[in-house]
Amino acid sequence: MAANNVTNLVQRGGNANGFEGDNNGLIYQCMPEHNAIYVYNPETLHTELFVRDPRIIWPDGASIGEDGYLYMNINQLPHQPNWNNGVDGRTFPGAVLRVKLPNGARKITTLA
């Protein structure tokens, strides 16, 4: 059964809203409440800040390109009218941001 294969590897650091892994084994976590991306290292069992920027407004998903960048979409959820007494504070069109990955990391293209 799949439930028997689930393992808790690290304590929660917040509400992650999407995950993506690179070919070096690192796992990137979209952290919308922190305007940030965190990274989990399975060798050290630590999660730490990878990038934080005020432009990372509620990152909702991420993907790694073969060019060595992590791409994230910006949801702007906390700027929507239902979160701001009917005022729409979103900037249109939406945005996709990118950040260069460390150590020559790239998209996973093969399964071990």
PDB file of N, CA and C in Angstrom:
ATOM      1  N   MET A   1       0.835  -1.173   0.000  1.00  0.00           N
ATOM      2  CA  MET A   1       0.000   0.000   0.000  1.00  0.00           C
ATOM      3  C   MET A   1       0.888   1.246   0.000  1.00  0.00           C
ATOM      4  N   ALA A   2       0.496   2.250  -0.756  1.00  0.00           N
ATOM      5  CA  ALA A   2       1.291   3.474  -0.882  1.00  0.00           C
ATOM      6  C   ALA A   2       1.487   4.173   0.452  1.00  0.00           C
ATOM      7  N   ALA A   3       0.491   4.176   1.318  1.00  0.00           N
ATOM      8  CA  ALA A   3       0.603   4.870   2.605  1.00  0.00           C
ATOM      9  C   ALA A   3       1.749   4.326   3.442  1.00  0.00           C
ATOM     10  N   ASN A   4       2.087   3.068   3.270  1.00  0.00           N
ATOM     11  CA  ASN A   4       3.188   2.476   4.028  1.00  0.00           C
ATOM     12  C   ASN A   4       4.555   2.958   3.547  1.00  0.00           C
ATOM     13  N   ASN A   5       4.593   3.612   2.389  1.00  0.00           N
ATOM     14  CA  ASN A   5       5.851   4.100   1.834  1.00  0.00           C
ATOM     15  C   ASN A   5       6.085   5.586   2.077  1.00  0.00           C
ATOM     16  N   VAL A   6       5.184   6.241   2.797  1.00  0.00           N
ATOM     17  CA  VAL A   6       5.325   7.666   3.093  1.00  0.00           C
ATOM     18  C   VAL A   6       6.176   7.826   4.340  1.00  0.00           C
ATOM     19  N   THR A   7       7.203   8.678   4.239  1.00  0.00           N
ATOM     20  CA  THR A   7       8.123   8.903   5.349  1.00  0.00           C
ATOM     21  C   THR A   7       8.234  10.389   5.620  1.00  0.00           C
ATOM     22  N   ASN A   8       8.197  10.780   6.890  1.00  0.00           N
ATOM     23  CA  ASN A   8       8.411  12.165   7.278  1.00  0.00           C
ATOM     24  C   ASN A   8       9.914  12.396   7.385  1.00  0.00           C
ATOM     25  N   LEU A   9      10.471  13.229   6.504  1.00  0.00           N
ATOM     26  CA  LEU A   9      11.908  13.448   6.463  1.00  0.00           C
ATOM     27  C   LEU A   9      12.361  14.668   7.249  1.00  0.00           C
ATOM     28  N   VAL A  10      11.493  15.649   7.424  1.00  0.00           N
ATOM     29  CA  VAL A  10      11.896  16.911   8.049  1.00  0.00           C
ATOM     30  C   VAL A  10      10.663  17.594   8.625  1.00  0.00           C
ATOM     31  N   GLN A  11      10.868  18.459   9.609  1.00  0.00           N
ATOM     32  CA  GLN A  11       9.754  19.206  10.164  1.00  0.00           C
ATOM     33  C   GLN A  11       9.257  20.221   9.148  1.00  0.00           C
ATOM     34  N   ARG A  12       7.992  20.562   9.268  1.00  0.00           N
ATOM     35  CA  ARG A  12       7.407  21.558   8.376  1.00  0.00           C
ATOM     36  C   ARG A  12       7.996  22.930   8.654  1.00  0.00           C
ATOM     37  N   GLY A  13       8.238  23.666   7.605  1.00  0.00           N
ATOM     38  CA  GLY A  13       8.736  25.024   7.746  1.00  0.00           C
ATOM     39  C   GLY A  13       7.708  26.058   7.339  1.00  0.00           C
ATOM     40  N   GLY A  14       6.522  25.605   6.972  1.00  0.00           N
ATOM     41  CA  GLY A  14       5.471  26.497   6.511  1.00  0.00           C
ATOM     42  C   GLY A  14       4.582  25.757   5.535  1.00  0.00           C
ATOM     43  N   ASN A  15       3.704  26.492   4.900  1.00  0.00           N
ATOM     44  CA  ASN A  15       2.780  25.906   3.940  1.00  0.00           C
ATOM     45  C   ASN A  15       3.388  25.944   2.547  1.00  0.00           C
ATOM     46  N   ALA A  16       3.954  24.843   2.133  1.00  0.00           N
ATOM     47  CA  ALA A  16       4.530  24.761   0.789  1.00  0.00           C
ATOM     48  C   ALA A  16       3.401  24.597  -0.218  1.00  0.00           C
ATOM     49  N   ASN A  17       3.546  25.253  -1.363  1.00  0.00           N
ATOM     50  CA  ASN A  17       2.486  25.273  -2.354  1.00  0.00           C
ATOM     51  C   ASN A  17       2.904  24.643  -3.673  1.00  0.00           C
ATOM     52  N   GLY A  18       4.012  23.975  -3.688  1.00  0.00           N
ATOM     53  CA  GLY A  18       4.494  23.309  -4.883  1.00  0.00           C
ATOM     54  C   GLY A  18       5.926  22.869  -4.664  1.00  0.00           C
ATOM     55  N   PHE A  19       6.301  21.789  -5.315  1.00  0.00           N
ATOM     56  CA  PHE A  19       7.643  21.224  -5.158  1.00  0.00           C
ATOM     57  C   PHE A  19       8.230  20.937  -6.532  1.00  0.00           C
ATOM     58  N   GLU A  20       9.552  20.988  -6.608  1.00  0.00           N
ATOM     59  CA  GLU A  20      10.261  20.604  -7.825  1.00  0.00           C
ATOM     60  C   GLU A  20      11.648  20.141  -7.415  1.00  0.00           C
ATOM     61  N   GLY A  21      12.148  19.102  -8.076  1.00  0.00           N
ATOM     62  CA  GLY A  21      13.464  18.570  -7.749  1.00  0.00           C
ATOM     63  C   GLY A  21      14.442  18.747  -8.890  1.00  0.00           C
ATOM     64  N   ASP A  22      15.733  18.884  -8.552  1.00  0.00           N
ATOM     65  CA  ASP A  22      16.753  19.016  -9.592  1.00  0.00           C
ATOM     66  C   ASP A  22      17.590  17.744  -9.697  1.00  0.00           C
ATOM     67  N   ASN A  23      18.495  17.710 -10.663  1.00  0.00           N
ATOM     68  CA  ASN A  23      19.296  16.508 -10.898  1.00  0.00           C
ATOM     69  C   ASN A  23      20.400  16.317  -9.856  1.00  0.00           C
ATOM     70  N   ASN A  24      20.554  17.253  -8.924  1.00  0.00           N
ATOM     71  CA  ASN A  24      21.492  17.089  -7.807  1.00  0.00           C
ATOM     72  C   ASN A  24      20.802  16.555  -6.557  1.00  0.00           C
ATOM     73  N   GLY A  25      19.503  16.283  -6.660  1.00  0.00           N
ATOM     74  CA  GLY A  25      18.767  15.717  -5.535  1.00  0.00           C
ATOM     75  C   GLY A  25      18.139  16.733  -4.604  1.00  0.00           C
ATOM     76  N   LEU A  26      18.264  18.021  -4.898  1.00  0.00           N
ATOM     77  CA  LEU A  26      17.655  19.046  -4.056  1.00  0.00           C
ATOM     78  C   LEU A  26      16.183  19.202  -4.411  1.00  0.00           C
ATOM     79  N   ILE A  27      15.369  19.529  -3.415  1.00  0.00           N
ATOM     80  CA  ILE A  27      13.934  19.704  -3.618  1.00  0.00           C
ATOM     81  C   ILE A  27      13.580  21.139  -3.259  1.00  0.00           C
ATOM     82  N   TYR A  28      13.021  21.856  -4.220  1.00  0.00           N
ATOM     83  CA  TYR A  28      12.655  23.262  -4.048  1.00  0.00           C
ATOM     84  C   TYR A  28      11.181  23.341  -3.672  1.00  0.00           C
ATOM     85  N   GLN A  29      10.870  24.220  -2.713  1.00  0.00           N
ATOM     86  CA  GLN A  29       9.512  24.342  -2.181  1.00  0.00           C
ATOM     87  C   GLN A  29       9.025  25.776  -2.343  1.00  0.00           C
ATOM     88  N   CYS A  30       7.896  25.951  -3.003  1.00  0.00           N
ATOM     89  CA  CYS A  30       7.273  27.271  -3.090  1.00  0.00           C
ATOM     90  C   CYS A  30       6.642  27.574  -1.736  1.00  0.00           C
ATOM     91  N   MET A  31       7.035  28.683  -1.132  1.00  0.00           N
ATOM     92  CA  MET A  31       6.545  29.069   0.196  1.00  0.00           C
ATOM     93  C   MET A  31       5.798  30.395   0.074  1.00  0.00           C
ATOM     94  N   PRO A  32       4.501  30.339  -0.236  1.00  0.00           N
ATOM     95  CA  PRO A  32       3.748  31.552  -0.545  1.00  0.00           C
ATOM     96  C   PRO A  32       3.673  32.559   0.595  1.00  0.00           C
ATOM     97  N   GLU A  33       3.599  32.104   1.822  1.00  0.00           N
ATOM     98  CA  GLU A  33       3.466  33.039   2.942  1.00  0.00           C
ATOM     99  C   GLU A  33       4.768  33.767   3.245  1.00  0.00           C
ATOM    100  N   HIS A  34       5.863  33.339   2.629  1.00  0.00           N
ATOM    101  CA  HIS A  34       7.176  33.941   2.871  1.00  0.00           C
ATOM    102  C   HIS A  34       7.726  34.678   1.644  1.00  0.00           C
ATOM    103  N   ASN A  35       6.963  34.724   0.541  1.00  0.00           N
ATOM    104  CA  ASN A  35       7.464  35.288  -0.722  1.00  0.00           C
ATOM    105  C   ASN A  35       8.818  34.686  -1.061  1.00  0.00           C
ATOM    106  N   ALA A  36       8.880  33.362  -1.004  1.00  0.00           N
ATOM    107  CA  ALA A  36      10.191  32.719  -1.078  1.00  0.00           C
ATOM    108  C   ALA A  36      10.114  31.323  -1.677  1.00  0.00           C
ATOM    109  N   ILE A  37      11.305  30.839  -2.019  1.00  0.00           N
ATOM    110  CA  ILE A  37      11.521  29.446  -2.381  1.00  0.00           C
ATOM    111  C   ILE A  37      12.526  28.901  -1.374  1.00  0.00           C
ATOM    112  N   TYR A  38      12.191  27.788  -0.764  1.00  0.00           N
ATOM    113  CA  TYR A  38      13.103  27.102   0.151  1.00  0.00           C
ATOM    114  C   TYR A  38      13.637  25.865  -0.550  1.00  0.00           C
ATOM    115  N   VAL A  39      14.735  25.331  -0.054  1.00  0.00           N
ATOM    116  CA  VAL A  39      15.328  24.143  -0.659  1.00  0.00           C
ATOM    117  C   VAL A  39      15.605  23.119   0.438  1.00  0.00           C
ATOM    118  N   TYR A  40      15.239  21.880   0.152  1.00  0.00           N
ATOM    119  CA  TYR A  40      15.487  20.759   1.067  1.00  0.00           C
ATOM    120  C   TYR A  40      16.633  19.934   0.506  1.00  0.00           C
ATOM    121  N   ASN A  41      17.618  19.658   1.358  1.00  0.00           N
ATOM    122  CA  ASN A  41      18.763  18.844   0.968  1.00  0.00           C
ATOM    123  C   ASN A  41      18.639  17.490   1.662  1.00  0.00           C
ATOM    124  N   PRO A  42      18.395  16.404   0.923  1.00  0.00           N
ATOM    125  CA  PRO A  42      18.217  15.095   1.552  1.00  0.00           C
ATOM    126  C   PRO A  42      19.489  14.542   2.192  1.00  0.00           C
ATOM    127  N   GLU A  43      20.655  15.068   1.828  1.00  0.00           N
ATOM    128  CA  GLU A  43      21.898  14.607   2.459  1.00  0.00           C
ATOM    129  C   GLU A  43      22.059  15.174   3.862  1.00  0.00           C
ATOM    130  N   THR A  44      21.671  16.438   4.047  1.00  0.00           N
ATOM    131  CA  THR A  44      21.807  17.079   5.364  1.00  0.00           C
ATOM    132  C   THR A  44      20.513  17.027   6.162  1.00  0.00           C
ATOM    133  N   LEU A  45      19.416  16.680   5.488  1.00  0.00           N
ATOM    134  CA  LEU A  45      18.077  16.674   6.083  1.00  0.00           C
ATOM    135  C   LEU A  45      17.657  18.058   6.563  1.00  0.00           C
ATOM    136  N   HIS A  46      18.186  19.107   5.922  1.00  0.00           N
ATOM    137  CA  HIS A  46      17.851  20.476   6.290  1.00  0.00           C
ATOM    138  C   HIS A  46      17.092  21.175   5.165  1.00  0.00           C
ATOM    139  N   THR A  47      16.176  22.037   5.581  1.00  0.00           N
ATOM    140  CA  THR A  47      15.484  22.935   4.673  1.00  0.00           C
ATOM    141  C   THR A  47      15.966  24.341   4.979  1.00  0.00           C
ATOM    142  N   GLU A  48      16.323  25.089   3.942  1.00  0.00           N
ATOM    143  CA  GLU A  48      16.793  26.455   4.164  1.00  0.00           C
ATOM    144  C   GLU A  48      16.303  27.360   3.047  1.00  0.00           C
ATOM    145  N   LEU A  49      16.371  28.651   3.300  1.00  0.00           N
ATOM    146  CA  LEU A  49      15.963  29.641   2.320  1.00  0.00           C
ATOM    147  C   LEU A  49      16.848  29.561   1.081  1.00  0.00           C
ATOM    148  N   PHE A  50      16.224  29.519  -0.084  1.00  0.00           N
ATOM    149  CA  PHE A  50      16.963  29.570  -1.345  1.00  0.00           C
ATOM    150  C   PHE A  50      16.907  30.988  -1.917  1.00  0.00           C
ATOM    151  N   VAL A  51      15.706  31.547  -2.027  1.00  0.00           N
ATOM    152  CA  VAL A  51      15.558  32.916  -2.521  1.00  0.00           C
ATOM    153  C   VAL A  51      14.284  33.520  -1.935  1.00  0.00           C
ATOM    154  N   ARG A  52      14.392  34.783  -1.543  1.00  0.00           N
ATOM    155  CA  ARG A  52      13.224  35.544  -1.082  1.00  0.00           C
ATOM    156  C   ARG A  52      13.272  36.890  -1.789  1.00  0.00           C
ATOM    157  N   ASP A  53      12.107  37.311  -2.280  1.00  0.00           N
ATOM    158  CA  ASP A  53      12.048  38.566  -3.021  1.00  0.00           C
ATOM    159  C   ASP A  53      10.603  39.065  -2.960  1.00  0.00           C
ATOM    160  N   PRO A  54      10.382  40.367  -2.797  1.00  0.00           N
ATOM    161  CA  PRO A  54       9.007  40.870  -2.740  1.00  0.00           C
ATOM    162  C   PRO A  54       8.226  40.637  -4.032  1.00  0.00           C
ATOM    163  N   ARG A  55       8.912  40.379  -5.139  1.00  0.00           N
ATOM    164  CA  ARG A  55       8.214  40.084  -6.403  1.00  0.00           C
ATOM    165  C   ARG A  55       7.670  38.662  -6.441  1.00  0.00           C
ATOM    166  N   ILE A  56       8.125  37.812  -5.541  1.00  0.00           N
ATOM    167  CA  ILE A  56       7.630  36.431  -5.480  1.00  0.00           C
ATOM    168  C   ILE A  56       6.345  36.456  -4.652  1.00  0.00           C
ATOM    169  N   ILE A  57       5.255  36.849  -5.304  1.00  0.00           N
ATOM    170  CA  ILE A  57       3.976  37.036  -4.620  1.00  0.00           C
ATOM    171  C   ILE A  57       3.161  35.750  -4.736  1.00  0.00           C
ATOM    172  N   TRP A  58       3.144  34.975  -3.665  1.00  0.00           N
ATOM    173  CA  TRP A  58       2.381  33.730  -3.583  1.00  0.00           C
ATOM    174  C   TRP A  58       2.768  32.780  -4.714  1.00  0.00           C
ATOM    175  N   PRO A  59       4.008  32.286  -4.720  1.00  0.00           N
ATOM    176  CA  PRO A  59       4.412  31.330  -5.758  1.00  0.00           C
ATOM    177  C   PRO A  59       3.553  30.074  -5.670  1.00  0.00           C
ATOM    178  N   ASP A  60       3.025  29.666  -6.797  1.00  0.00           N
ATOM    179  CA  ASP A  60       1.997  28.629  -6.800  1.00  0.00           C
ATOM    180  C   ASP A  60       2.443  27.341  -7.471  1.00  0.00           C
ATOM    181  N   GLY A  61       3.576  27.343  -8.067  1.00  0.00           N
ATOM    182  CA  GLY A  61       4.088  26.162  -8.741  1.00  0.00           C
ATOM    183  C   GLY A  61       5.433  26.488  -9.349  1.00  0.00           C
ATOM    184  N   ALA A  62       6.218  25.466  -9.599  1.00  0.00           N
ATOM    185  CA  ALA A  62       7.558  25.692 -10.135  1.00  0.00           C
ATOM    186  C   ALA A  62       7.936  24.564 -11.087  1.00  0.00           C
ATOM    187  N   SER A  63       8.860  24.888 -11.974  1.00  0.00           N
ATOM    188  CA  SER A  63       9.387  23.902 -12.908  1.00  0.00           C
ATOM    189  C   SER A  63      10.833  24.259 -13.205  1.00  0.00           C
ATOM    190  N   ILE A  64      11.663  23.247 -13.344  1.00  0.00           N
ATOM    191  CA  ILE A  64      13.067  23.463 -13.669  1.00  0.00           C
ATOM    192  C   ILE A  64      13.254  23.232 -15.159  1.00  0.00           C
ATOM    193  N   GLY A  65      13.939  24.170 -15.784  1.00  0.00           N
ATOM    194  CA  GLY A  65      14.219  24.055 -17.207  1.00  0.00           C
ATOM    195  C   GLY A  65      15.566  23.398 -17.448  1.00  0.00           C
ATOM    196  N   GLU A  66      15.770  22.948 -18.659  1.00  0.00           N
ATOM    197  CA  GLU A  66      17.060  22.367 -19.025  1.00  0.00           C
ATOM    198  C   GLU A  66      18.155  23.428 -19.085  1.00  0.00           C
ATOM    199  N   ASP A  67      17.767  24.697 -18.950  1.00  0.00           N
ATOM    200  CA  ASP A  67      18.729  25.800 -18.948  1.00  0.00           C
ATOM    201  C   ASP A  67      19.289  26.095 -17.558  1.00  0.00           C
ATOM    202  N   GLY A  68      18.874  25.311 -16.546  1.00  0.00           N
ATOM    203  CA  GLY A  68      19.410  25.492 -15.202  1.00  0.00           C
ATOM    204  C   GLY A  68      18.710  26.553 -14.375  1.00  0.00           C
ATOM    205  N   TYR A  69      17.513  26.953 -14.778  1.00  0.00           N
ATOM    206  CA  TYR A  69      16.729  27.921 -14.016  1.00  0.00           C
ATOM    207  C   TYR A  69      15.499  27.249 -13.414  1.00  0.00           C
ATOM    208  N   LEU A  70      15.100  27.739 -12.250  1.00  0.00           N
ATOM    209  CA  LEU A  70      13.830  27.369 -11.634  1.00  0.00           C
ATOM    210  C   LEU A  70      12.830  28.451 -12.027  1.00  0.00           C
ATOM    211  N   TYR A  71      11.756  28.059 -12.673  1.00  0.00           N
ATOM    212  CA  TYR A  71      10.698  28.985 -13.088  1.00  0.00           C
ATOM    213  C   TYR A  71       9.528  28.835 -12.125  1.00  0.00           C
ATOM    214  N   MET A  72       8.948  29.958 -11.720  1.00  0.00           N
ATOM    215  CA  MET A  72       7.804  29.918 -10.803  1.00  0.00           C
ATOM    216  C   MET A  72       6.725  30.872 -11.290  1.00  0.00           C
ATOM    217  N   ASN A  73       5.470  30.453 -11.172  1.00  0.00           N
ATOM    218  CA  ASN A  73       4.388  31.369 -11.503  1.00  0.00           C
ATOM    219  C   ASN A  73       4.002  32.155 -10.254  1.00  0.00           C
ATOM    220  N   ILE A  74       3.570  33.374 -10.474  1.00  0.00           N
ATOM    221  CA  ILE A  74       3.210  34.269  -9.388  1.00  0.00           C
ATOM    222  C   ILE A  74       1.690  34.387  -9.365  1.00  0.00           C
ATOM    223  N   ASN A  75       1.076  33.888  -8.311  1.00  0.00           N
ATOM    224  CA  ASN A  75      -0.370  33.794  -8.201  1.00  0.00           C
ATOM    225  C   ASN A  75      -1.013  35.113  -7.785  1.00  0.00           C
ATOM    226  N   GLN A  76      -0.343  35.902  -6.965  1.00  0.00           N
ATOM    227  CA  GLN A  76      -0.852  37.168  -6.435  1.00  0.00           C
ATOM    228  C   GLN A  76      -2.114  36.988  -5.594  1.00  0.00           C
ATOM    229  N   LEU A  77      -2.310  35.814  -5.036  1.00  0.00           N
ATOM    230  CA  LEU A  77      -3.515  35.524  -4.258  1.00  0.00           C
ATOM    231  C   LEU A  77      -3.815  36.570  -3.188  1.00  0.00           C
ATOM    232  N   PRO A  78      -2.843  37.022  -2.389  1.00  0.00           N
ATOM    233  CA  PRO A  78      -3.192  37.982  -1.344  1.00  0.00           C
ATOM    234  C   PRO A  78      -3.571  39.368  -1.869  1.00  0.00           C
ATOM    235  N   HIS A  79      -3.441  39.595  -3.179  1.00  0.00           N
ATOM    236  CA  HIS A  79      -3.825  40.883  -3.760  1.00  0.00           C
ATOM    237  C   HIS A  79      -5.197  40.820  -4.432  1.00  0.00           C
ATOM    238  N   GLN A  80      -5.848  39.655  -4.402  1.00  0.00           N
ATOM    239  CA  GLN A  80      -7.153  39.509  -5.024  1.00  0.00           C
ATOM    240  C   GLN A  80      -8.217  40.234  -4.198  1.00  0.00           C
ATOM    241  N   PRO A  81      -9.309  40.654  -4.838  1.00  0.00           N
ATOM    242  CA  PRO A  81     -10.331  41.448  -4.157  1.00  0.00           C
ATOM    243  C   PRO A  81     -10.903  40.803  -2.894  1.00  0.00           C
ATOM    244  N   ASN A  82     -11.106  39.492  -2.913  1.00  0.00           N
ATOM    245  CA  ASN A  82     -11.717  38.856  -1.743  1.00  0.00           C
ATOM    246  C   ASN A  82     -10.783  38.827  -0.539  1.00  0.00           C
ATOM    247  N   TRP A  83      -9.528  39.183  -0.698  1.00  0.00           N
ATOM    248  CA  TRP A  83      -8.578  39.273   0.419  1.00  0.00           C
ATOM    249  C   TRP A  83      -8.359  40.727   0.838  1.00  0.00           C
ATOM    250  N   ASN A  84      -8.904  41.676   0.081  1.00  0.00           N
ATOM    251  CA  ASN A  84      -8.611  43.094   0.294  1.00  0.00           C
ATOM    252  C   ASN A  84      -9.857  43.968   0.260  1.00  0.00           C
ATOM    253  N   ASN A  85     -10.904  43.544   0.940  1.00  0.00           N
ATOM    254  CA  ASN A  85     -12.140  44.347   1.027  1.00  0.00           C
ATOM    255  C   ASN A  85     -12.632  44.803  -0.340  1.00  0.00           C
ATOM    256  N   GLY A  86     -12.560  43.916  -1.320  1.00  0.00           N
ATOM    257  CA  GLY A  86     -13.070  44.198  -2.653  1.00  0.00           C
ATOM    258  C   GLY A  86     -12.117  44.932  -3.576  1.00  0.00           C
ATOM    259  N   VAL A  87     -10.953  45.326  -3.092  1.00  0.00           N
ATOM    260  CA  VAL A  87      -9.982  46.050  -3.918  1.00  0.00           C
ATOM    261  C   VAL A  87      -9.063  45.049  -4.615  1.00  0.00           C
ATOM    262  N   ASP A  88      -8.976  45.167  -5.934  1.00  0.00           N
ATOM    263  CA  ASP A  88      -8.109  44.277  -6.710  1.00  0.00           C
ATOM    264  C   ASP A  88      -6.738  44.925  -6.850  1.00  0.00           C
ATOM    265  N   GLY A  89      -5.744  44.390  -6.143  1.00  0.00           N
ATOM    266  CA  GLY A  89      -4.396  44.938  -6.172  1.00  0.00           C
ATOM    267  C   GLY A  89      -3.446  44.170  -7.062  1.00  0.00           C
ATOM    268  N   ARG A  90      -3.996  43.252  -7.859  1.00  0.00           N
ATOM    269  CA  ARG A  90      -3.129  42.455  -8.727  1.00  0.00           C
ATOM    270  C   ARG A  90      -2.581  43.292  -9.877  1.00  0.00           C
ATOM    271  N   THR A  91      -1.434  42.889 -10.383  1.00  0.00           N
ATOM    272  CA  THR A  91      -0.821  43.500 -11.555  1.00  0.00           C
ATOM    273  C   THR A  91      -1.030  42.553 -12.725  1.00  0.00           C
ATOM    274  N   PHE A  92      -1.560  43.071 -13.822  1.00  0.00           N
ATOM    275  CA  PHE A  92      -1.811  42.253 -15.000  1.00  0.00           C
ATOM    276  C   PHE A  92      -0.858  42.648 -16.114  1.00  0.00           C
ATOM    277  N   PRO A  93      -0.432  41.751 -16.985  1.00  0.00           N
ATOM    278  CA  PRO A  93      -0.682  40.319 -16.826  1.00  0.00           C
ATOM    279  C   PRO A  93       0.124  39.763 -15.662  1.00  0.00           C
ATOM    280  N   GLY A  94      -0.170  38.527 -15.318  1.00  0.00           N
ATOM    281  CA  GLY A  94       0.574  37.850 -14.253  1.00  0.00           C
ATOM    282  C   GLY A  94       2.037  37.697 -14.636  1.00  0.00           C
ATOM    283  N   ALA A  95       2.775  36.990 -13.821  1.00  0.00           N
ATOM    284  CA  ALA A  95       4.212  36.897 -14.074  1.00  0.00           C
ATOM    285  C   ALA A  95       4.721  35.478 -13.869  1.00  0.00           C
ATOM    286  N   VAL A  96       5.786  35.183 -14.578  1.00  0.00           N
ATOM    287  CA  VAL A  96       6.594  33.993 -14.338  1.00  0.00           C
ATOM    288  C   VAL A  96       7.995  34.517 -14.057  1.00  0.00           C
ATOM    289  N   LEU A  97       8.544  34.148 -12.915  1.00  0.00           N
ATOM    290  CA  LEU A  97       9.892  34.568 -12.539  1.00  0.00           C
ATOM    291  C   LEU A  97      10.830  33.379 -12.649  1.00  0.00           C
ATOM    292  N   ARG A  98      12.117  33.662 -12.724  1.00  0.00           N
ATOM    293  CA  ARG A  98      13.089  32.580 -12.757  1.00  0.00           C
ATOM    294  C   ARG A  98      14.288  32.957 -11.898  1.00  0.00           C
ATOM    295  N   VAL A  99      14.974  31.915 -11.411  1.00  0.00           N
ATOM    296  CA  VAL A  99      16.187  32.094 -10.620  1.00  0.00           C
ATOM    297  C   VAL A  99      17.153  30.977 -11.001  1.00  0.00           C
ATOM    298  N   LYS A 100      18.429  31.326 -11.136  1.00  0.00           N
ATOM    299  CA  LYS A 100      19.455  30.345 -11.514  1.00  0.00           C
ATOM    300  C   LYS A 100      19.678  29.370 -10.366  1.00  0.00           C
ATOM    301  N   LEU A 101      19.778  28.093 -10.680  1.00  0.00           N
ATOM    302  CA  LEU A 101      20.011  27.063  -9.673  1.00  0.00           C
ATOM    303  C   LEU A 101      21.501  26.926  -9.373  1.00  0.00           C
ATOM    304  N   PRO A 102      21.833  26.469  -8.168  1.00  0.00           N
ATOM    305  CA  PRO A 102      23.240  26.330  -7.786  1.00  0.00           C
ATOM    306  C   PRO A 102      23.885  25.071  -8.368  1.00  0.00           C
ATOM    307  N   ASN A 103      25.197  25.085  -8.426  1.00  0.00           N
ATOM    308  CA  ASN A 103      26.007  23.898  -8.742  1.00  0.00           C
ATOM    309  C   ASN A 103      25.654  23.237 -10.069  1.00  0.00           C
ATOM    310  N   GLY A 104      25.302  24.032 -11.061  1.00  0.00           N
ATOM    311  CA  GLY A 104      25.007  23.481 -12.380  1.00  0.00           C
ATOM    312  C   GLY A 104      23.766  22.612 -12.429  1.00  0.00           C
ATOM    313  N   ALA A 105      22.861  22.776 -11.475  1.00  0.00           N
ATOM    314  CA  ALA A 105      21.653  21.948 -11.416  1.00  0.00           C
ATOM    315  C   ALA A 105      20.797  22.154 -12.655  1.00  0.00           C
ATOM    316  N   ARG A 106      20.101  21.087 -13.020  1.00  0.00           N
ATOM    317  CA  ARG A 106      19.225  21.109 -14.189  1.00  0.00           C
ATOM    318  C   ARG A 106      17.990  20.252 -13.925  1.00  0.00           C
ATOM    319  N   LYS A 107      17.133  20.255 -14.924  1.00  0.00           N
ATOM    320  CA  LYS A 107      15.925  19.437 -14.894  1.00  0.00           C
ATOM    321  C   LYS A 107      16.302  17.960 -14.830  1.00  0.00           C
ATOM    322  N   ILE A 108      15.526  17.189 -14.111  1.00  0.00           N
ATOM    323  CA  ILE A 108      15.706  15.736 -14.086  1.00  0.00           C
ATOM    324  C   ILE A 108      15.175  15.190 -15.409  1.00  0.00           C
ATOM    325  N   THR A 109      16.011  14.472 -16.136  1.00  0.00           N
ATOM    326  CA  THR A 109      15.590  13.954 -17.438  1.00  0.00           C
ATOM    327  C   THR A 109      15.561  12.433 -17.494  1.00  0.00           C
ATOM    328  N   THR A 110      16.090  11.779 -16.466  1.00  0.00           N
ATOM    329  CA  THR A 110      16.055  10.316 -16.422  1.00  0.00           C
ATOM    330  C   THR A 110      15.691   9.868 -15.016  1.00  0.00           C
ATOM    331  N   LEU A 111      15.128   8.709 -14.911  1.00  0.00           N
ATOM    332  CA  LEU A 111      14.799   8.132 -13.611  1.00  0.00           C
ATOM    333  C   LEU A 111      15.826   7.064 -13.268  1.00  0.00           C
ATOM    334  N   ALA A 112      16.227   7.042 -12.017  1.00  0.00           N
ATOM    335  CA  ALA A 112      17.226   6.054 -11.576  1.00  0.00           C
ATOM    336  C   ALA A 112      16.582   4.711 -11.349  1.00  0.00           C
TER     337      ALA A 112
END
